[in-house]
Amino acid sequence: HVNEGMLMENIVAQELRTNGHRLYFYSRSDTDNRKNHMEIDF
């Protein structure tokens, strides 16, 4: 049982950096209103 998402995100991060992209992610947590919760990988 492997967290494949962790591995795939790592591989994608390497590819994006190789192409010169600066890597950022977006995360917003709102415990009062789940509708506002967001997470973007890159």
All heavy atoms as atom14 arrays in JSON, in Angstrom:
{
  "sequence": "HVNEGMLMENIVAQELRTNGHRLYFYSRSDTDNRKNHMEIDF",
  "atom14_mask": [
    [1, 1, 1, 1, 1, 1, 1, 1, 1, 1, 0, 0, 0, 0],
    [1, 1, 1, 1, 1, 1, 1, 0, 0, 0, 0, 0, 0, 0],
    [1, 1, 1, 1, 1, 1, 1, 1, 0, 0, 0, 0, 0, 0],
    [1, 1, 1, 1, 1, 1, 1, 1, 1, 0, 0, 0, 0, 0],
    [1, 1, 1, 1, 0, 0, 0, 0, 0, 0, 0, 0, 0, 0],
    [1, 1, 1, 1, 1, 1, 1, 1, 0, 0, 0, 0, 0, 0],
    [1, 1, 1, 1, 1, 1, 1, 1, 0, 0, 0, 0, 0, 0],
    [1, 1, 1, 1, 1, 1, 1, 1, 0, 0, 0, 0, 0, 0],
    [1, 1, 1, 1, 1, 1, 1, 1, 1, 0, 0, 0, 0, 0],
    [1, 1, 1, 1, 1, 1, 1, 1, 0, 0, 0, 0, 0, 0],
    [1, 1, 1, 1, 1, 1, 1, 1, 0, 0, 0, 0, 0, 0],
    [1, 1, 1, 1, 1, 1, 1, 0, 0, 0, 0, 0, 0, 0],
    [1, 1, 1, 1, 1, 0, 0, 0, 0, 0, 0, 0, 0, 0],
    [1, 1, 1, 1, 1, 1, 1, 1, 1, 0, 0, 0, 0, 0],
    [1, 1, 1, 1, 1, 1, 1, 1, 1, 0, 0, 0, 0, 0],
    [1, 1, 1, 1, 1, 1, 1, 1, 0, 0, 0, 0, 0, 0],
    [1, 1, 1, 1, 1, 1, 1, 1, 1, 1, 1, 0, 0, 0],
    [1, 1, 1, 1, 1, 1, 1, 0, 0, 0, 0, 0, 0, 0],
    [1, 1, 1, 1, 1, 1, 1, 1, 0, 0, 0, 0, 0, 0],
    [1, 1, 1, 1, 0, 0, 0, 0, 0, 0, 0, 0, 0, 0],
    [1, 1, 1, 1, 1, 1, 1, 1, 1, 1, 0, 0, 0, 0],
    [1, 1, 1, 1, 1, 1, 1, 1, 1, 1, 1, 0, 0, 0],
    [1, 1, 1, 1, 1, 1, 1, 1, 0, 0, 0, 0, 0, 0],
    [1, 1, 1, 1, 1, 1, 1, 1, 1, 1, 1, 1, 0, 0],
    [1, 1, 1, 1, 1, 1, 1, 1, 1, 1, 1, 0, 0, 0],
    [1, 1, 1, 1, 1, 1, 1, 1, 1, 1, 1, 1, 0, 0],
    [1, 1, 1, 1, 1, 1, 0, 0, 0, 0, 0, 0, 0, 0],
    [1, 1, 1, 1, 1, 1, 1, 1, 1, 1, 1, 0, 0, 0],
    [1, 1, 1, 1, 1, 1, 0, 0, 0, 0, 0, 0, 0, 0],
    [1, 1, 1, 1, 1, 1, 1, 1, 0, 0, 0, 0, 0, 0],
    [1, 1, 1, 1, 1, 1, 1, 0, 0, 0, 0, 0, 0, 0],
    [1, 1, 1, 1, 1, 1, 1, 1, 0, 0, 0, 0, 0, 0],
    [1, 1, 1, 1, 1, 1, 1, 1, 0, 0, 0, 0, 0, 0],
    [1, 1, 1, 1, 1, 1, 1, 1, 1, 1, 1, 0, 0, 0],
    [1, 1, 1, 1, 1, 1, 1, 1, 1, 0, 0, 0, 0, 0],
    [1, 1, 1, 1, 1, 1, 1, 1, 0, 0, 0, 0, 0, 0],
    [1, 1, 1, 1, 1, 1, 1, 1, 1, 1, 0, 0, 0, 0],
    [1, 1, 1, 1, 1, 1, 1, 1, 0, 0, 0, 0, 0, 0],
    [1, 1, 1, 1, 1, 1, 1, 1, 1, 0, 0, 0, 0, 0],
    [1, 1, 1, 1, 1, 1, 1, 1, 0, 0, 0, 0, 0, 0],
    [1, 1, 1, 1, 1, 1, 1, 1, 0, 0, 0, 0, 0, 0],
    [1, 1, 1, 1, 1, 1, 1, 1, 1, 1, 1, 0, 0, 0]
  ],
  "atom14_positions": [
    [[0.85, -1.18, 0.0], [0.0, 0.0, 0.0], [0.89, 1.24, 0.0], [1.59, 1.51, 0.97], [-0.92, -0.01, 1.21], [-1.81, -1.22, 1.23], [-2.85, -1.37, 0.35], [-1.78, -2.33, 1.99], [-3.44, -2.53, 0.59], [-2.81, -3.13, 1.58], [0.0, 0.0, 0.0], [0.0, 0.0, 0.0], [0.0, 0.0, 0.0], [0.0, 0.0, 0.0]],
    [[0.87, 1.94, -1.11], [1.74, 3.08, -1.31], [0.87, 4.3, -1.6], [-0.15, 4.2, -2.28], [2.67, 2.84, -2.53], [3.56, 4.02, -2.77], [3.48, 1.59, -2.34], [0.0, 0.0, 0.0], [0.0, 0.0, 0.0], [0.0, 0.0, 0.0], [0.0, 0.0, 0.0], [0.0, 0.0, 0.0], [0.0, 0.0, 0.0], [0.0, 0.0, 0.0]],
    [[1.27, 5.42, -1.09], [0.6, 6.67, -1.43], [1.09, 7.07, -2.82], [2.06, 7.79, -2.97], [0.92, 7.74, -0.4], [0.25, 9.05, -0.69], [-0.32, 9.26, -1.77], [0.3, 9.96, 0.27], [0.0, 0.0, 0.0], [0.0, 0.0, 0.0], [0.0, 0.0, 0.0], [0.0, 0.0, 0.0], [0.0, 0.0, 0.0], [0.0, 0.0, 0.0]],
    [[0.4, 6.56, -3.84], [0.83, 6.81, -5.22], [0.75, 8.29, -5.56], [1.53, 8.78, -6.37], [-0.01, 5.99, -6.19], [0.27, 4.51, -6.1], [-0.59, 3.7, -7.05], [-1.31, 4.3, -7.88], [-0.53, 2.47, -6.97], [0.0, 0.0, 0.0], [0.0, 0.0, 0.0], [0.0, 0.0, 0.0], [0.0, 0.0, 0.0], [0.0, 0.0, 0.0]],
    [[-0.19, 9.0, -4.95], [-0.29, 10.43, -5.21], [0.98, 11.16, -4.84], [1.44, 12.04, -5.56], [0.0, 0.0, 0.0], [0.0, 0.0, 0.0], [0.0, 0.0, 0.0], [0.0, 0.0, 0.0], [0.0, 0.0, 0.0], [0.0, 0.0, 0.0], [0.0, 0.0, 0.0], [0.0, 0.0, 0.0], [0.0, 0.0, 0.0], [0.0, 0.0, 0.0]],
    [[1.57, 10.79, -3.7], [2.82, 11.4, -3.26], [3.92, 11.18, -4.31], [4.67, 12.09, -4.64], [3.25, 10.8, -1.93], [4.64, 11.15, -1.48], [5.21, 10.26, -0.01], [5.27, 8.57, -0.58], [0.0, 0.0, 0.0], [0.0, 0.0, 0.0], [0.0, 0.0, 0.0], [0.0, 0.0, 0.0], [0.0, 0.0, 0.0], [0.0, 0.0, 0.0]],
    [[3.98, 9.97, -4.83], [5.02, 9.66, -5.83], [4.78, 10.41, -7.13], [5.7, 10.96, -7.73], [5.07, 8.16, -6.08], [5.43, 7.3, -4.88], [5.36, 5.83, -5.23], [6.81, 7.66, -4.36], [0.0, 0.0, 0.0], [0.0, 0.0, 0.0], [0.0, 0.0, 0.0], [0.0, 0.0, 0.0], [0.0, 0.0, 0.0], [0.0, 0.0, 0.0]],
    [[3.53, 10.42, -7.59], [3.21, 11.1, -8.85], [3.46, 12.6, -8.73], [3.99, 13.22, -9.65], [1.76, 10.84, -9.26], [1.45, 9.41, -9.62], [2.46, 8.82, -11.0], [3.37, 7.53, -10.18], [0.0, 0.0, 0.0], [0.0, 0.0, 0.0], [0.0, 0.0, 0.0], [0.0, 0.0, 0.0], [0.0, 0.0, 0.0], [0.0, 0.0, 0.0]],
    [[3.06, 13.19, -7.62], [3.29, 14.63, -7.42], [4.78, 14.93, -7.4], [5.22, 15.96, -7.94], [2.63, 15.11, -6.14], [1.12, 15.18, -6.24], [0.44, 15.52, -4.93], [1.14, 15.93, -3.98], [-0.79, 15.36, -4.86], [0.0, 0.0, 0.0], [0.0, 0.0, 0.0], [0.0, 0.0, 0.0], [0.0, 0.0, 0.0], [0.0, 0.0, 0.0]],
    [[5.58, 14.05, -6.82], [7.02, 14.23, -6.8], [7.6, 14.2, -8.22], [8.44, 15.04, -8.57], [7.66, 13.15, -5.93], [9.14, 13.34, -5.77], [9.91, 12.82, -6.57], [9.54, 14.09, -4.76], [0.0, 0.0, 0.0], [0.0, 0.0, 0.0], [0.0, 0.0, 0.0], [0.0, 0.0, 0.0], [0.0, 0.0, 0.0], [0.0, 0.0, 0.0]],
    [[7.14, 13.26, -9.02], [7.62, 13.15, -10.4], [7.22, 14.39, -11.21], [8.02, 14.97, -11.94], [7.09, 11.86, -11.05], [7.74, 10.65, -10.38], [7.32, 11.86, -12.55], [7.09, 9.33, -10.72], [0.0, 0.0, 0.0], [0.0, 0.0, 0.0], [0.0, 0.0, 0.0], [0.0, 0.0, 0.0], [0.0, 0.0, 0.0], [0.0, 0.0, 0.0]],
    [[5.97, 14.82, -11.06], [5.5, 16.01, -11.78], [6.29, 17.24, -11.33], [6.68, 18.07, -12.16], [3.98, 16.21, -11.58], [3.53, 17.57, -12.08], [3.21, 15.09, -12.28], [0.0, 0.0, 0.0], [0.0, 0.0, 0.0], [0.0, 0.0, 0.0], [0.0, 0.0, 0.0], [0.0, 0.0, 0.0], [0.0, 0.0, 0.0], [0.0, 0.0, 0.0]],
    [[6.56, 17.36, -10.04], [7.35, 18.49, -9.54], [8.72, 18.52, -10.21], [9.2, 19.59, -10.62], [7.5, 18.41, -8.02], [0.0, 0.0, 0.0], [0.0, 0.0, 0.0], [0.0, 0.0, 0.0], [0.0, 0.0, 0.0], [0.0, 0.0, 0.0], [0.0, 0.0, 0.0], [0.0, 0.0, 0.0], [0.0, 0.0, 0.0], [0.0, 0.0, 0.0]],
    [[9.35, 17.37, -10.35], [10.66, 17.31, -11.0], [10.56, 17.74, -12.46], [11.42, 18.48, -12.95], [11.22, 15.9, -10.92], [11.62, 15.5, -9.51], [12.16, 14.09, -9.47], [13.07, 13.74, -10.2], [11.58, 13.27, -8.61], [0.0, 0.0, 0.0], [0.0, 0.0, 0.0], [0.0, 0.0, 0.0], [0.0, 0.0, 0.0], [0.0, 0.0, 0.0]],
    [[9.53, 17.29, -13.15], [9.35, 17.67, -14.56], [9.11, 19.17, -14.7], [9.68, 19.81, -15.58], [8.19, 16.89, -15.18], [8.47, 15.43, -15.4], [9.54, 15.17, -16.44], [9.71, 15.98, -17.37], [10.23, 14.15, -16.32], [0.0, 0.0, 0.0], [0.0, 0.0, 0.0], [0.0, 0.0, 0.0], [0.0, 0.0, 0.0], [0.0, 0.0, 0.0]],
    [[8.25, 19.72, -13.86], [7.96, 21.15, -13.94], [9.2, 21.99, -13.64], [9.47, 22.98, -14.33], [6.81, 21.52, -12.99], [5.44, 20.92, -13.35], [4.42, 21.25, -12.26], [4.96, 21.39, -14.71], [0.0, 0.0, 0.0], [0.0, 0.0, 0.0], [0.0, 0.0, 0.0], [0.0, 0.0, 0.0], [0.0, 0.0, 0.0], [0.0, 0.0, 0.0]],
    [[9.96, 21.6, -12.63], [11.2, 22.33, -12.31], [12.21, 22.23, -13.44], [12.89, 23.2, -13.76], [11.82, 21.81, -11.0], [11.17, 22.33, -9.77], [11.29, 23.85, -9.6], [12.68, 24.28, -9.51], [13.16, 25.4, -10.05], [12.38, 26.21, -10.72], [14.42, 25.71, -9.93], [0.0, 0.0, 0.0], [0.0, 0.0, 0.0], [0.0, 0.0, 0.0]],
    [[12.3, 21.05, -14.04], [13.22, 20.86, -15.17], [12.88, 21.82, -16.31], [13.77, 22.3, -17.01], [13.17, 19.4, -15.66], [13.6, 18.55, -14.6], [14.05, 19.18, -16.88], [0.0, 0.0, 0.0], [0.0, 0.0, 0.0], [0.0, 0.0, 0.0], [0.0, 0.0, 0.0], [0.0, 0.0, 0.0], [0.0, 0.0, 0.0], [0.0, 0.0, 0.0]],
    [[11.59, 22.12, -16.47], [11.16, 23.04, -17.51], [11.22, 24.5, -17.08], [10.73, 25.38, -17.77], [9.74, 22.7, -17.98], [9.74, 21.47, -18.86], [10.75, 21.12, -19.46], [8.62, 20.8, -18.92], [0.0, 0.0, 0.0], [0.0, 0.0, 0.0], [0.0, 0.0, 0.0], [0.0, 0.0, 0.0], [0.0, 0.0, 0.0], [0.0, 0.0, 0.0]],
    [[11.8, 24.76, -15.91], [12.03, 26.13, -15.48], [10.89, 26.75, -14.69], [10.96, 27.95, -14.38], [0.0, 0.0, 0.0], [0.0, 0.0, 0.0], [0.0, 0.0, 0.0], [0.0, 0.0, 0.0], [0.0, 0.0, 0.0], [0.0, 0.0, 0.0], [0.0, 0.0, 0.0], [0.0, 0.0, 0.0], [0.0, 0.0, 0.0], [0.0, 0.0, 0.0]],
    [[9.87, 26.0, -14.35], [8.77, 26.56, -13.57], [9.16, 26.69, -12.11], [9.82, 25.81, -11.56], [7.52, 25.67, -13.66], [6.91, 25.62, -15.01], [6.23, 26.68, -15.56], [6.85, 24.62, -15.93], [5.8, 26.36, -16.75], [6.16, 25.11, -17.0], [0.0, 0.0, 0.0], [0.0, 0.0, 0.0], [0.0, 0.0, 0.0], [0.0, 0.0, 0.0]],
    [[8.76, 27.78, -11.5], [8.83, 27.89, -10.04], [7.57, 27.23, -9.52], [6.49, 27.44, -10.07], [8.91, 29.34, -9.63], [10.21, 29.99, -10.12], [10.34, 31.38, -9.66], [10.56, 31.35, -8.21], [10.68, 32.44, -7.48], [10.59, 33.63, -8.02], [10.88, 32.35, -6.18], [0.0, 0.0, 0.0], [0.0, 0.0, 0.0], [0.0, 0.0, 0.0]],
    [[7.7, 26.46, -8.49], [6.57, 25.68, -8.01], [5.88, 26.34, -6.82], [6.53, 26.69, -5.83], [7.03, 24.27, -7.61], [7.68, 23.47, -8.72], [8.08, 22.1, -8.2], [6.77, 23.34, -9.92], [0.0, 0.0, 0.0], [0.0, 0.0, 0.0], [0.0, 0.0, 0.0], [0.0, 0.0, 0.0], [0.0, 0.0, 0.0], [0.0, 0.0, 0.0]],
    [[4.59, 26.47, -6.96], [3.75, 26.98, -5.89], [2.56, 26.04, -5.76], [2.21, 25.34, -6.7], [3.25, 28.39, -6.21], [4.35, 29.39, -6.41], [4.81, 29.69, -7.7], [4.95, 30.02, -5.33], [5.83, 30.62, -7.89], [5.97, 30.94, -5.51], [6.41, 31.23, -6.8], [7.42, 32.13, -6.98], [0.0, 0.0, 0.0], [0.0, 0.0, 0.0]],
    [[1.92, 26.07, -4.63], [0.68, 25.34, -4.46], [-0.29, 26.26, -3.74], [0.08, 27.31, -3.23], [0.89, 24.03, -3.68], [1.18, 24.22, -2.22], [0.17, 24.15, -1.28], [2.47, 24.49, -1.79], [0.44, 24.35, 0.06], [2.75, 24.68, -0.45], [1.72, 24.61, 0.49], [0.0, 0.0, 0.0], [0.0, 0.0, 0.0], [0.0, 0.0, 0.0]],
    [[-1.55, 25.87, -3.73], [-2.57, 26.66, -3.07], [-3.34, 25.76, -2.12], [-3.77, 24.67, -2.5], [-3.52, 27.28, -4.08], [-4.57, 28.16, -3.45], [-4.29, 29.48, -3.1], [-5.84, 27.66, -3.19], [-5.25, 30.28, -2.51], [-6.81, 28.47, -2.6], [-6.5, 29.77, -2.26], [-7.46, 30.56, -1.68], [0.0, 0.0, 0.0], [0.0, 0.0, 0.0]],
    [[-3.51, 26.23, -0.9], [-4.28, 25.47, 0.09], [-5.08, 26.45, 0.93], [-4.55, 27.45, 1.4], [-3.33, 24.67, 0.97], [-4.06, 23.96, 1.94], [0.0, 0.0, 0.0], [0.0, 0.0, 0.0], [0.0, 0.0, 0.0], [0.0, 0.0, 0.0], [0.0, 0.0, 0.0], [0.0, 0.0, 0.0], [0.0, 0.0, 0.0], [0.0, 0.0, 0.0]],
    [[-6.35, 26.14, 1.06], [-7.21, 26.94, 1.92], [-8.1, 25.99, 2.71], [-8.77, 25.14, 2.14], [-8.08, 27.89, 1.1], [-9.02, 28.67, 1.97], [-9.9, 29.58, 1.21], [-10.81, 30.19, 2.15], [-11.52, 31.25, 1.9], [-11.43, 31.82, 0.73], [-12.33, 31.73, 2.8], [0.0, 0.0, 0.0], [0.0, 0.0, 0.0], [0.0, 0.0, 0.0]],
    [[-8.06, 26.16, 4.01], [-8.87, 25.32, 4.87], [-9.84, 26.2, 5.64], [-9.45, 27.23, 6.19], [-7.97, 24.55, 5.84], [-8.73, 23.71, 6.64], [0.0, 0.0, 0.0], [0.0, 0.0, 0.0], [0.0, 0.0, 0.0], [0.0, 0.0, 0.0], [0.0, 0.0, 0.0], [0.0, 0.0, 0.0], [0.0, 0.0, 0.0], [0.0, 0.0, 0.0]],
    [[-11.08, 25.79, 5.67], [-12.1, 26.53, 6.39], [-12.94, 25.52, 7.16], [-13.79, 24.85, 6.59], [-12.97, 27.33, 5.42], [-13.96, 28.24, 6.11], [-14.25, 28.02, 7.3], [-14.46, 29.16, 5.44], [0.0, 0.0, 0.0], [0.0, 0.0, 0.0], [0.0, 0.0, 0.0], [0.0, 0.0, 0.0], [0.0, 0.0, 0.0], [0.0, 0.0, 0.0]],
    [[-12.67, 25.39, 8.44], [-13.38, 24.39, 9.25], [-14.85, 24.73, 9.44], [-15.67, 23.84, 9.67], [-12.72, 24.23, 10.64], [-12.64, 25.5, 11.25], [-11.33, 23.63, 10.51], [0.0, 0.0, 0.0], [0.0, 0.0, 0.0], [0.0, 0.0, 0.0], [0.0, 0.0, 0.0], [0.0, 0.0, 0.0], [0.0, 0.0, 0.0], [0.0, 0.0, 0.0]],
    [[-15.2, 26.0, 9.33], [-16.6, 26.4, 9.49], [-17.43, 26.17, 8.23], [-18.64, 25.96, 8.32], [-16.69, 27.89, 9.88], [-16.06, 28.15, 11.24], [-16.09, 27.23, 12.09], [-15.52, 29.26, 11.44], [0.0, 0.0, 0.0], [0.0, 0.0, 0.0], [0.0, 0.0, 0.0], [0.0, 0.0, 0.0], [0.0, 0.0, 0.0], [0.0, 0.0, 0.0]],
    [[-16.78, 26.25, 7.08], [-17.51, 26.1, 5.83], [-16.7, 25.26, 4.86], [-15.78, 25.75, 4.2], [-17.82, 27.49, 5.23], [-18.76, 27.4, 4.06], [-19.09, 26.32, 3.57], [-19.2, 28.56, 3.6], [0.0, 0.0, 0.0], [0.0, 0.0, 0.0], [0.0, 0.0, 0.0], [0.0, 0.0, 0.0], [0.0, 0.0, 0.0], [0.0, 0.0, 0.0]],
    [[-17.02, 23.99, 4.76], [-16.28, 23.04, 3.92], [-16.25, 23.47, 2.45], [-15.35, 23.12, 1.71], [-16.92, 21.65, 4.08], [-16.26, 20.56, 3.3], [-14.99, 20.11, 3.98], [-14.44, 19.0, 3.21], [-13.16, 18.84, 3.02], [-12.29, 19.65, 3.55], [-12.72, 17.83, 2.31], [0.0, 0.0, 0.0], [0.0, 0.0, 0.0], [0.0, 0.0, 0.0]],
    [[-17.24, 24.23, 2.02], [-17.29, 24.7, 0.63], [-16.06, 25.54, 0.27], [-15.69, 25.61, -0.89], [-18.54, 25.53, 0.36], [-19.83, 24.77, 0.37], [-20.99, 25.61, -0.1], [-21.01, 26.97, 0.51], [-22.21, 27.75, 0.22], [0.0, 0.0, 0.0], [0.0, 0.0, 0.0], [0.0, 0.0, 0.0], [0.0, 0.0, 0.0], [0.0, 0.0, 0.0]],
    [[-15.48, 26.17, 1.26], [-14.33, 27.04, 1.01], [-12.99, 26.31, 1.01], [-11.97, 26.91, 0.75], [-14.29, 28.17, 2.05], [-15.44, 29.11, 1.89], [-15.93, 29.33, 0.79], [-15.91, 29.67, 2.99], [0.0, 0.0, 0.0], [0.0, 0.0, 0.0], [0.0, 0.0, 0.0], [0.0, 0.0, 0.0], [0.0, 0.0, 0.0], [0.0, 0.0, 0.0]],
    [[-13.0, 25.02, 1.34], [-11.76, 24.25, 1.38], [-11.27, 23.99, -0.05], [-12.04, 23.54, -0.91], [-11.98, 22.92, 2.11], [-10.77, 22.07, 2.16], [-9.73, 22.32, 3.04], [-10.4, 21.0, 1.42], [-8.79, 21.43, 2.83], [-9.16, 20.62, 1.87], [0.0, 0.0, 0.0], [0.0, 0.0, 0.0], [0.0, 0.0, 0.0], [0.0, 0.0, 0.0]],
    [[-10.0, 24.28, -0.3], [-9.4, 24.06, -1.62], [-7.96, 23.64, -1.46], [-7.28, 24.1, -0.54], [-9.4, 25.34, -2.46], [-10.7, 25.8, -2.99], [-10.45, 27.25, -4.03], [-10.81, 28.55, -2.87], [0.0, 0.0, 0.0], [0.0, 0.0, 0.0], [0.0, 0.0, 0.0], [0.0, 0.0, 0.0], [0.0, 0.0, 0.0], [0.0, 0.0, 0.0]],
    [[-7.5, 22.8, -2.37], [-6.09, 22.43, -2.42], [-5.72, 22.17, -3.87], [-6.31, 21.32, -4.53], [-5.85, 21.18, -1.59], [-4.4, 20.83, -1.48], [-4.18, 19.65, -0.56], [-4.58, 19.74, 0.61], [-3.62, 18.64, -1.04], [0.0, 0.0, 0.0], [0.0, 0.0, 0.0], [0.0, 0.0, 0.0], [0.0, 0.0, 0.0], [0.0, 0.0, 0.0]],
    [[-4.76, 22.92, -4.37], [-4.28, 22.77, -5.75], [-2.83, 22.33, -5.67], [-2.01, 22.94, -4.98], [-4.39, 24.1, -6.53], [-5.83, 24.63, -6.54], [-3.87, 23.93, -7.96], [-6.83, 23.73, -7.23], [0.0, 0.0, 0.0], [0.0, 0.0, 0.0], [0.0, 0.0, 0.0], [0.0, 0.0, 0.0], [0.0, 0.0, 0.0], [0.0, 0.0, 0.0]],
    [[-2.49, 21.26, -6.4], [-1.16, 20.67, -6.3], [-0.05, 21.61, -6.76], [0.97, 21.74, -6.09], [-1.1, 19.37, -7.1], [-2.01, 18.3, -6.53], [-2.18, 18.25, -5.3], [-2.58, 17.52, -7.33], [0.0, 0.0, 0.0], [0.0, 0.0, 0.0], [0.0, 0.0, 0.0], [0.0, 0.0, 0.0], [0.0, 0.0, 0.0], [0.0, 0.0, 0.0]],
    [[-0.24, 22.24, -7.91], [0.79, 23.13, -8.44], [0.15, 24.34, -9.1], [-0.9, 24.22, -9.73], [1.66, 22.42, -9.5], [2.4, 21.24, -8.97], [1.95, 19.96, -9.22], [3.55, 21.4, -8.21], [2.62, 18.86, -8.73], [4.23, 20.3, -7.71], [3.77, 19.03, -7.98], [0.0, 0.0, 0.0], [0.0, 0.0, 0.0], [0.0, 0.0, 0.0]]
  ]
}
